[in-house]
């Protein structure tokens, strides 16, 4: 009987992929509610000139990817052009929505990595735009070191259709900045395999 009870307990503790996805949906919904985020549709986003109202804390939800995005700063210079390949400098913070924990951060003078402070270096990604789609890989930085993959999360590429990625040349120029909620299907391999949604604040600018 004891062995049988142990088997039943083990079965009850097992989480299916569907269970994990439901937990993810609930965690994202709670994060949105706790953060007082106002979700707008893609149609409303388009009608607003591809902007999100910061005073209302608006995030647009992209139905195809499930990514939520807020444009804090559009950036300076130009958008990435079709057929163009360039290197972008990215500074970011990553927040695990399930664990309610900041996991990786390189957007401060001191890099925060699982409780340790080390020298802060930006992440460099090489990105190409082809027929409106983006592909990218990490060339250096903390994301590659932490997760052991050069693959850039698909969620990181969603903002590139809407922001300018120039390099500030004057005191009045600002690099692009976005906030995004990235479901596991659009995240890095660790997030994908463990069904972990992440929240990011990211800045983008050309390397040169």
Protein backbone atom coordinates (compact mmCIF):
# COMPACT_ATOMS: atom_id res chain seq x y z
CA UNK A 1 0.00 0.00 0.00
CA UNK A 2 2.81 2.40 0.86
CA UNK A 3 4.50 1.80 -2.49
CA UNK A 4 1.19 2.24 -4.33
CA UNK A 5 0.55 5.52 -2.50
CA UNK A 6 4.03 6.73 -3.45
CA UNK A 7 3.32 5.98 -7.11
CA UNK A 8 0.04 7.89 -6.95
CA UNK A 9 1.78 10.85 -5.32
CA UNK A 10 4.46 10.83 -8.03
CA UNK A 11 1.81 10.79 -10.74
CA UNK A 12 -0.06 13.65 -9.11
CA UNK A 13 3.15 15.70 -8.93
CA UNK A 14 3.93 15.25 -12.63
CA UNK A 15 3.29 18.34 -14.74
CA UNK A 16 2.29 17.93 -18.36
CA UNK A 17 3.28 20.45 -21.02
CA UNK A 18 -0.33 21.65 -20.93
CA UNK A 19 -0.07 22.19 -17.17
CA UNK A 20 3.12 24.21 -17.62
CA UNK A 21 1.54 26.35 -20.35
CA UNK A 22 -1.46 27.04 -18.13
CA UNK A 23 0.90 28.05 -15.31
CA UNK A 24 2.71 30.33 -17.75
CA UNK A 25 -0.54 31.98 -18.89
CA UNK A 26 -1.57 32.57 -15.29
CA UNK A 27 1.85 33.99 -14.39
CA UNK A 28 1.79 36.41 -17.33
CA UNK A 29 -1.76 37.50 -16.48
CA UNK A 30 -0.75 38.12 -12.86
CA UNK A 31 2.36 40.04 -13.94
CA UNK A 32 0.24 42.23 -16.22
CA UNK A 33 -2.27 42.88 -13.46
CA UNK A 34 0.35 43.53 -10.77
CA UNK A 35 2.22 45.90 -13.11
CA UNK A 36 -0.98 47.82 -14.04
CA UNK A 37 -0.30 47.17 -17.72
CA UNK A 38 -2.94 48.21 -20.24
CA UNK A 39 -2.95 45.75 -23.14
CA UNK A 40 -3.86 47.13 -26.57
CA UNK A 41 -4.49 45.29 -29.82
CA UNK A 42 -2.33 45.39 -32.91
CA UNK A 43 -5.07 47.38 -34.67
CA UNK A 44 -5.01 50.03 -31.96
CA UNK A 45 -1.21 50.04 -32.05
CA UNK A 46 -1.33 50.65 -35.81
CA UNK A 47 -3.93 53.41 -35.41
CA UNK A 48 -1.67 55.12 -32.86
CA UNK A 49 1.16 55.29 -35.38
CA UNK A 50 2.97 52.25 -33.96
CA UNK A 51 3.36 53.86 -30.54
CA UNK A 52 2.40 52.83 -27.02
CA UNK A 53 1.12 55.39 -24.52
CA UNK A 54 3.59 55.41 -21.63
CA UNK A 55 1.31 57.45 -19.36
CA UNK A 56 -1.24 54.61 -19.59
CA UNK A 57 1.48 51.94 -19.40
CA UNK A 58 0.32 50.43 -22.67
CA UNK A 59 1.74 47.22 -24.11
CA UNK A 60 0.68 45.92 -27.51
CA UNK A 61 0.06 42.18 -27.74
CA UNK A 62 1.14 40.49 -30.96
CA UNK A 63 -1.27 37.61 -31.44
CA UNK A 64 0.99 35.54 -33.70
CA UNK A 65 3.97 35.44 -31.31
CA UNK A 66 2.26 36.12 -27.99
CA UNK A 67 4.86 38.82 -27.25
CA UNK A 68 3.77 41.99 -25.44
CA UNK A 69 5.75 45.15 -26.23
CA UNK A 70 6.02 48.70 -24.95
CA UNK A 71 8.13 51.21 -26.87
CA UNK A 72 9.76 53.47 -24.30
CA UNK A 73 11.95 55.29 -26.85
CA UNK A 74 11.76 54.89 -30.61
CA UNK A 75 15.47 55.62 -30.94
CA UNK A 76 17.48 57.73 -33.35
CA UNK A 77 18.84 57.24 -36.86
CA UNK A 78 17.03 54.75 -39.07
CA UNK A 79 15.36 51.37 -38.85
CA UNK A 80 17.16 48.29 -40.07
CA UNK A 81 16.61 48.20 -43.83
CA UNK A 82 15.60 45.18 -45.88
CA UNK A 83 18.68 43.27 -47.03
CA UNK A 84 20.86 44.93 -44.39
CA UNK A 85 23.15 43.14 -41.95
CA UNK A 86 24.61 45.00 -38.99
CA UNK A 87 25.82 44.60 -35.42
CA UNK A 88 23.68 45.93 -32.59
CA UNK A 89 24.75 46.75 -29.05
CA UNK A 90 22.13 45.64 -26.51
CA UNK A 91 21.86 46.29 -22.81
CA UNK A 92 19.09 44.52 -20.96
CA UNK A 93 17.63 43.10 -17.79
CA UNK A 94 15.89 39.72 -17.72
CA UNK A 95 13.17 38.93 -15.20
CA UNK A 96 11.84 35.40 -14.69
CA UNK A 97 8.08 35.92 -14.39
CA UNK A 98 7.47 32.47 -12.88
CA UNK A 99 10.09 32.80 -10.14
CA UNK A 100 9.59 36.55 -9.71
CA UNK A 101 13.36 37.01 -9.94
CA UNK A 102 15.82 39.11 -11.93
CA UNK A 103 18.16 36.53 -13.46
CA UNK A 104 20.53 38.43 -15.75
CA UNK A 105 21.19 42.15 -16.14
CA UNK A 106 23.86 44.11 -18.02
CA UNK A 107 22.21 47.53 -18.21
CA UNK A 108 23.93 48.93 -15.11
CA UNK A 109 27.58 49.88 -14.49
CA UNK A 110 27.92 46.58 -12.59
CA UNK A 111 26.58 43.46 -14.23
CA UNK A 112 24.14 41.46 -12.12
CA UNK A 113 24.27 37.73 -12.67
CA UNK A 114 22.42 35.48 -10.24
CA UNK A 115 23.44 37.60 -7.26
CA UNK A 116 27.03 38.27 -8.35
CA UNK A 117 28.33 41.63 -9.55
CA UNK A 118 30.92 41.50 -12.33
CA UNK A 119 32.16 43.88 -15.04
CA UNK A 120 29.25 45.07 -17.18
CA UNK A 121 29.60 44.49 -20.91
CA UNK A 122 26.86 44.96 -23.52
CA UNK A 123 25.72 42.08 -25.67
CA UNK A 124 26.62 42.30 -29.36
CA UNK A 125 24.28 40.69 -31.86
CA UNK A 126 24.61 40.39 -35.60
CA UNK A 127 21.22 40.82 -37.21
CA UNK A 128 19.96 40.59 -40.79
CA UNK A 129 16.65 41.77 -42.21
CA UNK A 130 15.33 39.78 -45.15
CA UNK A 131 11.90 40.46 -46.68
CA UNK A 132 10.68 41.92 -43.41
CA UNK A 133 11.93 39.05 -41.25
CA UNK A 134 14.89 39.14 -38.89
CA UNK A 135 17.56 36.59 -38.03
CA UNK A 136 20.27 37.18 -35.46
CA UNK A 137 23.01 35.61 -33.38
CA UNK A 138 24.99 36.68 -30.32
CA UNK A 139 28.63 37.44 -31.06
CA UNK A 140 29.57 38.26 -27.47
CA UNK A 141 27.98 39.12 -24.16
CA UNK A 142 26.36 37.68 -21.08
CA UNK A 143 23.41 35.93 -22.78
CA UNK A 144 25.77 33.65 -24.69
CA UNK A 145 27.83 32.98 -21.57
CA UNK A 146 24.83 32.27 -19.34
CA UNK A 147 22.75 30.16 -21.71
CA UNK A 148 25.46 28.69 -23.93
CA UNK A 149 23.78 29.52 -27.21
CA UNK A 150 24.44 32.10 -29.90
CA UNK A 151 20.76 32.05 -30.89
CA UNK A 152 18.97 35.33 -30.14
CA UNK A 153 15.48 34.82 -28.63
CA UNK A 154 12.80 35.46 -31.26
CA UNK A 155 11.08 37.82 -28.83
CA UNK A 156 14.09 40.14 -28.92
CA UNK A 157 13.62 40.60 -32.67
CA UNK A 158 9.96 41.62 -32.56
CA UNK A 159 10.68 45.31 -31.71
CA UNK A 160 13.07 45.74 -34.66
CA UNK A 161 10.19 46.37 -37.06
CA UNK A 162 9.16 49.43 -35.05
CA UNK A 163 12.30 51.07 -33.64
CA UNK A 164 15.27 53.00 -35.02
CA UNK A 165 18.65 51.51 -34.25
CA UNK A 166 21.02 54.42 -34.88
CA UNK A 167 23.90 55.35 -32.61
CA UNK A 168 23.37 58.58 -30.59
CA UNK A 169 25.46 61.39 -32.01
CA UNK A 170 24.38 64.27 -29.78
CA UNK A 171 22.95 65.02 -26.35
CA UNK A 172 19.46 65.06 -27.82
CA UNK A 173 19.75 61.58 -29.34
CA UNK A 174 18.59 58.52 -27.46
CA UNK A 175 19.02 54.85 -28.28
CA UNK A 176 15.87 52.78 -28.67
CA UNK A 177 14.41 51.21 -25.55
CA UNK A 178 11.61 48.68 -25.22
CA UNK A 179 9.95 46.55 -22.57
CA UNK A 180 8.74 43.13 -23.66
CA UNK A 181 7.00 40.12 -22.14
CA UNK A 182 8.28 37.04 -23.91
CA UNK A 183 6.47 33.69 -23.66
CA UNK A 184 8.60 30.55 -23.58
CA UNK A 185 7.99 29.82 -27.27
CA UNK A 186 9.75 33.08 -28.20
CA UNK A 187 12.50 32.89 -25.60
CA UNK A 188 15.95 31.33 -25.34
CA UNK A 189 16.41 27.56 -25.22
CA UNK A 190 16.32 27.37 -21.41
CA UNK A 191 13.06 29.31 -21.26
CA UNK A 192 11.60 27.24 -24.07
CA UNK A 193 12.47 23.86 -22.59
CA UNK A 194 11.27 24.82 -19.10
CA UNK A 195 8.20 26.84 -20.20
CA UNK A 196 9.42 30.05 -18.54
CA UNK A 197 8.03 33.46 -19.55
CA UNK A 198 10.46 36.39 -19.19
CA UNK A 199 10.16 40.14 -18.98
CA UNK A 200 12.90 42.26 -20.54
CA UNK A 201 13.94 45.88 -20.69
CA UNK A 202 16.29 46.24 -23.66
CA UNK A 203 18.11 49.08 -25.42
CA UNK A 204 19.29 48.74 -29.03
CA UNK A 205 21.81 50.77 -31.02
CA UNK A 206 24.22 50.16 -33.87
CA UNK A 207 27.73 49.21 -32.89
CA UNK A 208 29.19 51.86 -35.18
